[in-house]
Amino acid sequence: MSTVGIDLGGTNIYAVVLDGEEVRGSTKRPTPTEGGAEGFVKELRRTTRKAVEDAGLDVADVDAVGVGVPGIVTDGSVDGGPNVGGVSERFPLGDLLATELSTPVSVINDVTAAAIGEHRLGAAQGASNLLTVFAGTGVGGGLVLDGVAFEGSHGGAGELGHVIVRQGGAMCGCGRRGCVEAYAGRRAMERSAERAQAGGRATRLFEIAREKGKDRVTSGVFKAALDEGDELVTALLGEAVEALAAGIASVVNLLDLEVVVLGGGLADKLGEGFRAELEVAMRPLLFLQPPEVRLVRAALGDSGGAIGAAVVARERA
C-alpha cells in the first residue's frame, strides 16, 4: 500500500511516498504565502505529483494522502494562518485536496503527525503513551495515548508551546503571557536578543547571522553563538530549557507518559547537549520519583512529520 505524506512548514512543503516502512520518493517545495485556499491546494497537488514521480509511480497508484499542518484541525478543516498559503479563514483542506487528487485525504496537526511517525517507525517504537515536542521557530507538541493519536475534543490537543509556565510572564505570539513558546521558540528568543542588545547588552548573535549570510537568526546561528560562549545566548537558552522542562514535566505528571521525543530545528541543531540539559532540569519537577519517563531525540529528522502523515493516511484509508 502506497501513501503520500505531506508536512507543511512555514518555509517549505515536504512530501514523501511511503510503501510499508520504506520511503520510495520525496520532494520539497516552497510554501506559498499568497494565492488563497485555491492556490494553496493546487500547490499541494503539485507537491504530491512531484513526490509520486520521484517514486516512479503515478497518482493513480496512491491509495491515500495525509497532510500535517500547523494549528487546529477538525474534520479535515484547518484554521487559516501565516503558514497556510496566506489564508486567513478556516477552510476544508481535506475535501478540497481530495477533489483535486481524486484520492482520500486525511488532515492532522503537524506535530501530532510527527508523534505518530516516531511511534510507528522512529524513536518511540514499543511505547503506548508519548509526547513529541518540536522546538524550532515555535514550540509544538503531539500526543499518542494508548497507541492512538490524541487530538482532543476540538482538535487542539498537544499545544505544549501554549502551556503557561510563568503567569504574567513574557508576551507570546498568541497574545497571552508566560507560554513555553515565549521563552523556547527561536523567533521569541530572537526578539528577546534584539531587545537586550538595544538595551546595551553585548552579543555576537546578529553579527554571526550576517557573517553566515542569513537575513534572520536561524537555529544554526544560535548554535554558533553558543559555541562561542556568547553570554546572552547562553542565558536565553537557559531560560528556554527552564520553560520546556516545566511544560513537559507538567504534561508527564498529568498523563504518566513513557516517552518524550524531542525534535525540531533548534533541538536538532543543539543536539545531545540540549537534550541532556533538559533532562536534568526536568527530573526534579516530575511527580514520580525516580522518574519513569524517557527523554529521547527524534529519530526521523526533517521527514518525521511527512512520514507520520503518510502513516495516518494509511491507517485511516
Protein backbone atom coordinates (compact mmCIF):
# COMPACT_ATOMS: atom_id res chain seq x y z
CA MET A 1 0.00 0.00 0.00
CA SER A 2 1.48 3.33 -1.11
CA THR A 3 0.53 6.55 0.65
CA VAL A 4 1.78 10.12 0.40
CA GLY A 5 2.57 12.16 3.48
CA ILE A 6 2.90 15.94 3.35
CA ASP A 7 4.40 18.13 6.06
CA LEU A 8 3.53 21.81 5.78
CA GLY A 9 6.22 24.12 7.15
CA GLY A 10 6.48 27.87 7.26
CA THR A 11 9.20 27.83 4.58
CA ASN A 12 8.80 24.54 2.72
CA ILE A 13 6.33 21.78 1.96
CA TYR A 14 7.96 18.36 2.30
CA ALA A 15 6.35 15.22 0.90
CA VAL A 16 7.23 11.52 0.95
CA VAL A 17 5.81 8.38 -0.63
CA LEU A 18 5.68 5.56 1.91
CA ASP A 19 5.40 1.93 0.90
CA GLY A 20 5.29 -0.23 4.03
CA GLU A 21 8.19 1.14 6.07
CA GLU A 22 10.16 2.31 3.04
CA VAL A 23 10.29 5.89 1.75
CA ARG A 24 10.25 5.41 -2.03
CA GLY A 25 10.17 9.03 -3.11
CA SER A 26 10.26 12.56 -1.76
CA THR A 27 10.22 16.22 -2.73
CA LYS A 28 10.45 19.67 -1.18
CA ARG A 29 8.83 22.83 -2.49
CA PRO A 30 8.43 26.39 -1.15
CA THR A 31 5.35 27.07 0.94
CA PRO A 32 3.13 29.62 -0.85
CA THR A 33 2.45 32.84 1.02
CA GLU A 34 -0.40 34.06 -1.18
CA GLY A 35 -3.00 32.76 -3.61
CA GLY A 36 -5.71 31.90 -1.12
CA ALA A 37 -7.10 28.45 -0.40
CA GLU A 38 -7.40 27.53 -4.07
CA GLY A 39 -3.78 28.37 -4.88
CA PHE A 40 -2.57 26.64 -1.76
CA VAL A 41 -4.42 23.41 -2.55
CA LYS A 42 -3.09 23.44 -6.11
CA GLU A 43 0.45 23.72 -4.74
CA LEU A 44 -0.20 20.70 -2.51
CA ARG A 45 -1.41 18.82 -5.60
CA ARG A 46 1.82 19.72 -7.45
CA THR A 47 3.92 18.65 -4.45
CA THR A 48 2.09 15.32 -4.32
CA ARG A 49 2.66 14.70 -8.00
CA LYS A 50 6.37 15.52 -7.72
CA ALA A 51 6.84 13.08 -4.83
CA VAL A 52 4.92 10.37 -6.67
CA GLU A 53 7.03 10.91 -9.81
CA ASP A 54 10.19 10.63 -7.70
CA ALA A 55 8.94 7.24 -6.51
CA GLY A 56 8.39 6.10 -10.09
CA LEU A 57 4.63 5.94 -9.60
CA ASP A 58 1.51 7.67 -10.82
CA VAL A 59 -1.06 9.41 -8.61
CA ALA A 60 -3.49 6.63 -9.54
CA ASP A 61 -1.14 4.21 -7.74
CA VAL A 62 -1.52 6.11 -4.45
CA ASP A 63 -4.10 4.74 -2.01
CA ALA A 64 -4.38 7.80 0.24
CA VAL A 65 -2.73 11.10 1.18
CA GLY A 66 -2.05 12.54 4.63
CA VAL A 67 -1.30 16.19 5.36
CA GLY A 68 0.27 17.52 8.56
CA VAL A 69 -0.50 21.20 9.11
CA PRO A 70 0.20 23.65 11.93
CA GLY A 71 -2.72 24.73 14.08
CA ILE A 72 -6.08 23.27 14.99
CA VAL A 73 -7.57 20.60 12.73
CA THR A 74 -11.15 19.32 12.95
CA ASP A 75 -12.90 17.11 10.39
CA GLY A 76 -10.27 17.85 7.75
CA SER A 77 -10.61 21.62 8.09
CA VAL A 78 -7.76 23.83 9.25
CA ASP A 79 -7.54 27.28 10.78
CA GLY A 80 -6.04 29.77 8.36
CA GLY A 81 -2.80 31.43 9.33
CA PRO A 82 0.58 32.63 8.15
CA ASN A 83 1.79 29.12 7.34
CA VAL A 84 -1.29 28.23 5.32
CA GLY A 85 -0.87 29.98 1.99
CA GLY A 86 -1.89 33.39 3.26
CA VAL A 87 -5.39 32.09 4.04
CA SER A 88 -6.90 33.95 6.98
CA GLU A 89 -10.08 31.92 7.45
CA ARG A 90 -10.83 28.29 8.26
CA PHE A 91 -11.16 26.13 5.14
CA PRO A 92 -11.87 22.45 4.32
CA LEU A 93 -8.39 21.41 3.22
CA GLY A 94 -9.11 17.69 3.22
CA ASP A 95 -12.18 17.90 0.97
CA LEU A 96 -10.56 20.36 -1.45
CA LEU A 97 -7.37 18.32 -1.88
CA ALA A 98 -9.29 15.04 -2.17
CA THR A 99 -11.25 16.58 -5.06
CA GLU A 100 -8.03 17.74 -6.76
CA LEU A 101 -6.36 14.32 -6.45
CA SER A 102 -9.38 12.01 -6.60
CA THR A 103 -7.81 10.28 -3.59
CA PRO A 104 -8.83 10.04 0.10
CA VAL A 105 -7.09 12.74 2.16
CA SER A 106 -6.56 12.84 5.93
CA VAL A 107 -5.52 16.07 7.67
CA ILE A 108 -3.83 16.16 11.09
CA ASN A 109 -1.80 18.59 13.17
CA ASP A 110 1.83 18.55 12.01
CA VAL A 111 3.46 17.66 15.34
CA THR A 112 0.78 15.05 16.04
CA ALA A 113 1.73 13.55 12.68
CA ALA A 114 5.39 13.57 13.76
CA ALA A 115 4.39 11.84 17.01
CA ILE A 116 2.72 9.06 15.00
CA GLY A 117 5.80 8.77 12.80
CA GLU A 118 8.13 8.44 15.79
CA HIS A 119 5.75 5.97 17.46
CA ARG A 120 5.36 3.69 14.47
CA LEU A 121 8.79 3.93 12.83
CA GLY A 122 11.08 6.07 14.98
CA ALA A 123 12.38 6.69 18.49
CA ALA A 124 9.20 5.75 20.38
CA GLN A 125 8.51 2.31 18.93
CA GLY A 126 7.07 -0.01 21.55
CA ALA A 127 5.69 2.77 23.77
CA SER A 128 1.97 3.22 24.32
CA ASN A 129 1.89 6.78 25.69
CA LEU A 130 4.16 9.56 24.49
CA LEU A 131 4.60 13.25 23.86
CA THR A 132 6.54 14.60 20.91
CA VAL A 133 7.97 18.11 21.36
CA PHE A 134 9.28 20.13 18.43
CA ALA A 135 11.35 23.16 19.43
CA GLY A 136 12.06 25.31 16.40
CA THR A 137 10.62 28.61 15.21
CA GLY A 138 7.91 27.97 17.79
CA VAL A 139 7.19 25.06 20.11
CA GLY A 140 4.75 22.36 19.09
CA GLY A 141 3.57 19.17 20.71
CA GLY A 142 1.81 15.98 19.71
CA LEU A 143 0.32 13.19 21.84
CA VAL A 144 -0.09 9.47 21.29
CA LEU A 145 -2.17 7.83 24.04
CA ASP A 146 -2.81 4.08 24.15
CA GLY A 147 -1.15 3.89 20.74
CA VAL A 148 -3.57 6.33 19.09
CA ALA A 149 -3.09 9.97 18.09
CA PHE A 150 -4.89 12.12 20.65
CA GLU A 151 -6.34 15.26 19.05
CA GLY A 152 -8.69 16.40 21.83
CA SER A 153 -12.34 17.38 21.79
CA HIS A 154 -11.84 20.33 19.43
CA GLY A 155 -8.59 19.47 17.61
CA GLY A 156 -6.43 21.49 19.98
CA ALA A 157 -4.62 18.79 21.97
CA GLY A 158 -0.84 18.80 22.29
CA GLU A 159 -0.25 22.57 22.22
CA LEU A 160 2.71 22.40 24.58
CA GLY A 161 4.01 25.74 23.33
CA HIS A 162 0.99 27.45 24.89
CA VAL A 163 1.15 25.84 28.29
CA ILE A 164 1.59 28.70 30.78
CA VAL A 165 4.77 28.31 32.81
CA ARG A 166 5.04 31.88 34.15
CA GLN A 167 1.80 33.66 34.88
CA GLY A 168 2.13 37.27 33.71
CA GLY A 169 5.44 36.43 32.03
CA ALA A 170 6.82 37.21 28.58
CA MET A 171 4.41 38.02 25.77
CA CYS A 172 3.78 35.15 23.36
CA GLY A 173 2.85 35.43 19.70
CA CYS A 174 -0.56 34.00 20.59
CA GLY A 175 -1.31 37.17 22.61
CA ARG A 176 -1.04 35.59 26.05
CA ARG A 177 1.78 35.85 28.56
CA GLY A 178 4.09 33.22 30.02
CA CYS A 179 3.72 30.47 27.38
CA VAL A 180 6.51 27.94 26.87
CA GLU A 181 6.91 29.27 23.33
CA ALA A 182 7.54 32.81 24.62
CA TYR A 183 10.82 31.51 26.07
CA ALA A 184 11.75 28.46 23.98
CA GLY A 185 10.66 29.40 20.45
CA ARG A 186 13.52 30.56 18.22
CA ARG A 187 11.54 33.56 16.99
CA ALA A 188 10.76 34.65 20.55
CA MET A 189 14.41 34.25 21.56
CA GLU A 190 15.49 36.35 18.59
CA ARG A 191 13.14 39.15 19.68
CA SER A 192 14.45 38.91 23.25
CA ALA A 193 18.02 39.19 21.94
CA GLU A 194 17.09 42.27 19.90
CA ARG A 195 15.61 43.97 22.96
CA ALA A 196 18.61 43.05 25.09
CA GLN A 197 21.06 44.39 22.52
CA ALA A 198 19.07 47.61 22.18
CA GLY A 199 19.36 47.93 25.97
CA GLY A 200 23.12 47.77 25.75
CA ARG A 201 23.82 44.09 26.32
CA ALA A 202 26.64 42.63 24.22
CA THR A 203 26.04 39.71 21.88
CA ARG A 204 27.60 38.30 18.73
CA LEU A 205 24.33 36.70 17.62
CA PHE A 206 23.42 39.16 14.88
CA GLU A 207 27.00 39.52 13.64
CA ILE A 208 27.18 35.76 13.20
CA ALA A 209 23.92 35.82 11.22
CA ARG A 210 25.38 38.44 8.87
CA GLU A 211 28.65 36.52 8.54
CA LYS A 212 26.65 33.45 7.52
CA GLY A 213 24.63 35.48 5.01
CA LYS A 214 21.39 34.95 6.92
CA ASP A 215 18.61 37.51 6.95
CA ARG A 216 17.31 36.07 10.21
CA VAL A 217 18.74 34.33 13.26
CA THR A 218 18.47 30.64 12.42
CA SER A 219 18.91 27.70 14.76
CA GLY A 220 22.39 27.25 13.32
CA VAL A 221 23.25 30.84 14.23
CA PHE A 222 22.13 30.23 17.83
CA LYS A 223 24.32 27.11 17.90
CA ALA A 224 27.34 29.04 16.60
CA ALA A 225 26.87 31.81 19.17
CA LEU A 226 26.51 29.24 21.95
CA ASP A 227 29.71 27.52 20.84
CA GLU A 228 31.49 30.89 21.07
CA GLY A 229 30.32 31.25 24.67
CA ASP A 230 28.03 34.21 23.96
CA GLU A 231 26.68 35.12 27.40
CA LEU A 232 23.32 36.46 26.21
CA VAL A 233 22.61 33.42 24.06
CA THR A 234 23.67 31.13 26.90
CA ALA A 235 21.20 32.91 29.20
CA LEU A 236 18.38 32.78 26.63
CA LEU A 237 18.88 29.06 26.05
CA GLY A 238 18.93 28.53 29.80
CA GLU A 239 15.50 30.17 30.02
CA ALA A 240 14.33 28.01 27.12
CA VAL A 241 15.40 24.84 28.92
CA GLU A 242 13.70 26.02 32.12
CA ALA A 243 10.41 26.72 30.33
CA LEU A 244 10.47 23.47 28.35
CA ALA A 245 11.28 21.47 31.48
CA ALA A 246 8.31 22.95 33.35
CA GLY A 247 5.91 22.45 30.45
CA ILE A 248 6.98 18.90 29.65
CA ALA A 249 7.05 17.82 33.30
CA SER A 250 3.52 19.13 33.77
CA VAL A 251 2.25 17.05 30.86
CA VAL A 252 4.12 13.96 32.07
CA ASN A 253 2.74 14.41 35.59
CA LEU A 254 -0.79 14.70 34.22
CA LEU A 255 -0.68 11.76 31.80
CA ASP A 256 2.04 9.42 33.18
CA LEU A 257 3.84 9.10 29.83
CA GLU A 258 6.52 6.57 28.94
CA VAL A 259 8.49 8.60 26.41
CA VAL A 260 9.03 12.22 25.42
CA VAL A 261 10.52 12.63 21.93
CA LEU A 262 12.45 15.85 21.34
CA GLY A 263 12.86 17.25 17.83
CA GLY A 264 12.54 20.41 15.76
CA GLY A 265 15.13 22.66 14.14
CA LEU A 266 16.51 24.25 17.30
CA ALA A 267 16.64 20.99 19.28
CA ASP A 268 18.25 19.18 16.34
CA LYS A 269 20.97 21.82 15.93
CA LEU A 270 21.77 21.96 19.65
CA GLY A 271 21.94 18.18 19.77
CA GLU A 272 22.61 15.83 22.65
CA GLY A 273 23.86 18.55 25.00
CA PHE A 274 20.50 20.31 24.82
CA ARG A 275 18.59 17.07 25.43
CA ALA A 276 20.77 16.19 28.41
CA GLU A 277 20.42 19.67 29.93
CA LEU A 278 16.65 19.50 29.51
CA GLU A 279 16.53 16.08 31.14
CA VAL A 280 18.45 17.36 34.17
CA ALA A 281 16.13 20.37 34.50
CA MET A 282 13.01 18.22 34.11
CA ARG A 283 13.83 15.47 36.61
CA PRO A 284 13.18 17.33 39.90
CA LEU A 285 9.84 18.60 38.52
CA LEU A 286 8.44 15.11 37.93
CA PHE A 287 5.96 13.64 40.39
CA LEU A 288 7.09 10.02 40.03
CA GLN A 289 10.50 9.53 41.63
CA PRO A 290 12.71 8.08 40.43
CA PRO A 291 11.43 9.30 37.05
CA GLU A 292 9.93 6.62 34.83
CA VAL A 293 9.75 8.69 31.62
CA ARG A 294 12.49 8.61 28.96
CA LEU A 295 13.51 11.77 27.09
CA VAL A 296 14.89 10.81 23.67
CA ARG A 297 15.84 12.59 20.48
CA ALA A 298 13.65 12.22 17.39
CA ALA A 299 14.94 9.57 15.00
CA LEU A 300 13.22 10.56 11.75
CA GLY A 301 14.63 14.08 11.43
CA ASP A 302 13.06 16.52 8.96
CA SER A 303 10.99 13.76 7.36
CA GLY A 304 9.22 12.73 10.59
CA GLY A 305 6.11 14.84 10.03
CA ALA A 306 5.68 13.70 6.43
CA ILE A 307 6.28 10.05 7.32
CA GLY A 308 3.77 10.33 10.16
CA ALA A 309 1.19 11.92 7.85
CA ALA A 310 1.67 9.05 5.38
CA VAL A 311 1.16 6.54 8.21
CA VAL A 312 -2.03 8.35 9.28
CA ALA A 313 -3.30 8.25 5.69
CA ARG A 314 -2.66 4.50 5.52
CA GLU A 315 -4.34 3.77 8.84
CA ARG A 316 -7.40 5.88 8.04
CA ALA A 317 -7.85 4.71 4.46
